[in-house]
Amino acid sequence: MGRNDVGGTKFWQETLSPGEPKPGIPKLVWPGESADKTVKSVQRGLEPLGKALNALATGLNMTVRNVATHTLNELSEQEGMERLAAYSYFARLLDQCEIRKADGEE
């Protein structure tokens, strides 16, 4: 995304929030041709999807990443695999999105 100005929760909130991208703040959006019926349907669902992804990213950041870096407690293999699976699912959803930048930005 080319963002080095913010990290963690704020990054995900700005990247996945509904609305148009702003200069220096690109967005991840669902791809497709706007005239396609299926794409239209998905795009109508973008706001709730964006909110859901935002909430998932924020939740994972706060309950998995932050906790792992703030404590010395070791996770069990099962706990580690469950947390890794949550991140993996999130990454798969993000891989399907396109980066949309503000007009005039490359």
Protein backbone atom coordinates (compact mmCIF):
# COMPACT_ATOMS: atom_id res chain seq x y z
CA MET A 1 0.00 0.00 0.00
CA GLY A 2 3.07 2.24 0.25
CA ARG A 3 2.06 3.55 3.69
CA ASN A 4 4.82 4.22 6.18
CA ASP A 5 3.06 7.08 7.96
CA VAL A 6 0.74 4.95 10.15
CA GLY A 7 0.69 1.45 11.51
CA GLY A 8 -1.47 -1.10 13.22
CA THR A 9 -5.11 -0.35 13.87
CA LYS A 10 -5.14 3.09 12.24
CA PHE A 11 -3.68 1.65 9.02
CA TRP A 12 -6.47 -0.92 8.74
CA GLN A 13 -9.17 1.57 9.63
CA GLU A 14 -8.05 3.94 6.87
CA THR A 15 -7.35 1.22 4.29
CA LEU A 16 -10.66 -0.64 4.67
CA SER A 17 -13.07 2.15 5.53
CA PRO A 18 -15.87 2.92 3.05
CA GLY A 19 -15.64 5.93 0.75
CA GLU A 20 -13.20 7.18 -1.81
CA PRO A 21 -9.43 7.15 -1.35
CA LYS A 22 -7.70 10.37 -0.37
CA PRO A 23 -4.26 11.57 -1.44
CA GLY A 24 -1.69 9.39 0.31
CA ILE A 25 -4.43 7.10 1.71
CA PRO A 26 -5.26 4.38 -0.83
CA LYS A 27 -8.10 1.94 -0.23
CA LEU A 28 -8.57 -1.77 -0.82
CA VAL A 29 -11.75 -2.38 -2.82
CA TRP A 30 -13.53 -5.35 -4.37
CA PRO A 31 -12.58 -5.69 -8.08
CA GLY A 32 -14.72 -5.88 -11.17
CA GLU A 33 -16.49 -4.12 -14.02
CA SER A 34 -19.12 -1.80 -12.56
CA ALA A 35 -21.69 -2.74 -15.26
CA ASP A 36 -21.62 -6.45 -14.33
CA LYS A 37 -24.66 -7.54 -12.28
CA THR A 38 -22.59 -9.66 -9.93
CA VAL A 39 -20.07 -6.88 -9.41
CA LYS A 40 -22.90 -4.41 -8.78
CA SER A 41 -24.26 -6.72 -6.11
CA VAL A 42 -20.86 -7.12 -4.47
CA GLN A 43 -20.20 -3.38 -4.66
CA ARG A 44 -23.52 -2.68 -2.90
CA GLY A 45 -22.19 -4.92 -0.16
CA LEU A 46 -18.84 -3.13 0.01
CA GLU A 47 -19.72 -0.88 2.91
CA PRO A 48 -20.74 -3.70 5.24
CA LEU A 49 -17.88 -5.85 3.90
CA GLY A 50 -15.43 -3.00 4.47
CA LYS A 51 -16.71 -2.53 7.99
CA ALA A 52 -16.45 -6.27 8.65
CA LEU A 53 -12.88 -6.47 7.30
CA ASN A 54 -11.97 -3.35 9.25
CA ALA A 55 -13.35 -4.89 12.43
CA LEU A 56 -11.55 -8.20 11.74
CA ALA A 57 -8.24 -6.41 11.06
CA THR A 58 -8.61 -4.25 14.16
CA GLY A 59 -9.59 -7.23 16.29
CA LEU A 60 -6.73 -9.39 15.06
CA ASN A 61 -4.27 -6.54 15.55
CA MET A 62 -5.37 -5.93 19.12
CA THR A 63 -6.00 -9.51 20.33
CA VAL A 64 -3.29 -11.40 18.46
CA ARG A 65 -0.44 -9.13 17.40
CA ASN A 66 -0.46 -6.72 20.35
CA VAL A 67 -0.89 -9.45 22.95
CA ALA A 68 1.93 -11.51 21.42
CA THR A 69 4.31 -8.54 21.47
CA HIS A 70 3.35 -7.24 24.94
CA THR A 71 3.74 -10.47 26.93
CA LEU A 72 6.29 -13.20 27.38
CA ASN A 73 3.66 -15.93 27.60
CA GLU A 74 4.17 -18.72 25.11
CA LEU A 75 1.21 -19.93 23.09
CA SER A 76 0.31 -23.57 22.77
CA GLU A 77 0.60 -25.08 19.31
CA GLN A 78 -3.22 -25.13 19.05
CA GLU A 79 -3.52 -21.44 20.01
CA GLY A 80 -0.79 -20.49 17.56
CA MET A 81 -2.44 -22.42 14.72
CA GLU A 82 -5.84 -20.85 15.42
CA ARG A 83 -4.39 -17.35 15.35
CA LEU A 84 -2.41 -18.09 12.21
CA ALA A 85 -5.58 -19.42 10.55
CA ALA A 86 -7.44 -16.19 11.35
CA TYR A 87 -4.68 -14.14 9.73
CA SER A 88 -4.55 -16.50 6.76
CA TYR A 89 -8.29 -16.11 6.11
CA PHE A 90 -8.00 -12.34 6.39
CA ALA A 91 -5.06 -12.32 3.94
CA ARG A 92 -7.05 -14.40 1.43
CA LEU A 93 -9.89 -11.85 1.49
CA LEU A 94 -7.45 -8.96 1.04
CA ASP A 95 -5.74 -10.73 -1.88
CA GLN A 96 -9.02 -10.53 -3.79
CA CYS A 97 -9.20 -6.74 -3.44
CA GLU A 98 -7.69 -4.07 -5.67
CA ILE A 99 -5.76 -1.02 -4.53
CA ARG A 100 -7.62 2.16 -5.44
CA LYS A 101 -5.74 5.47 -5.17
CA ALA A 102 -7.00 9.05 -5.26
CA ASP A 103 -7.39 10.65 -8.68
CA GLY A 104 -4.03 11.75 -10.07
CA GLU A 105 -1.99 9.33 -7.97
CA GLU A 106 -0.11 6.39 -9.48
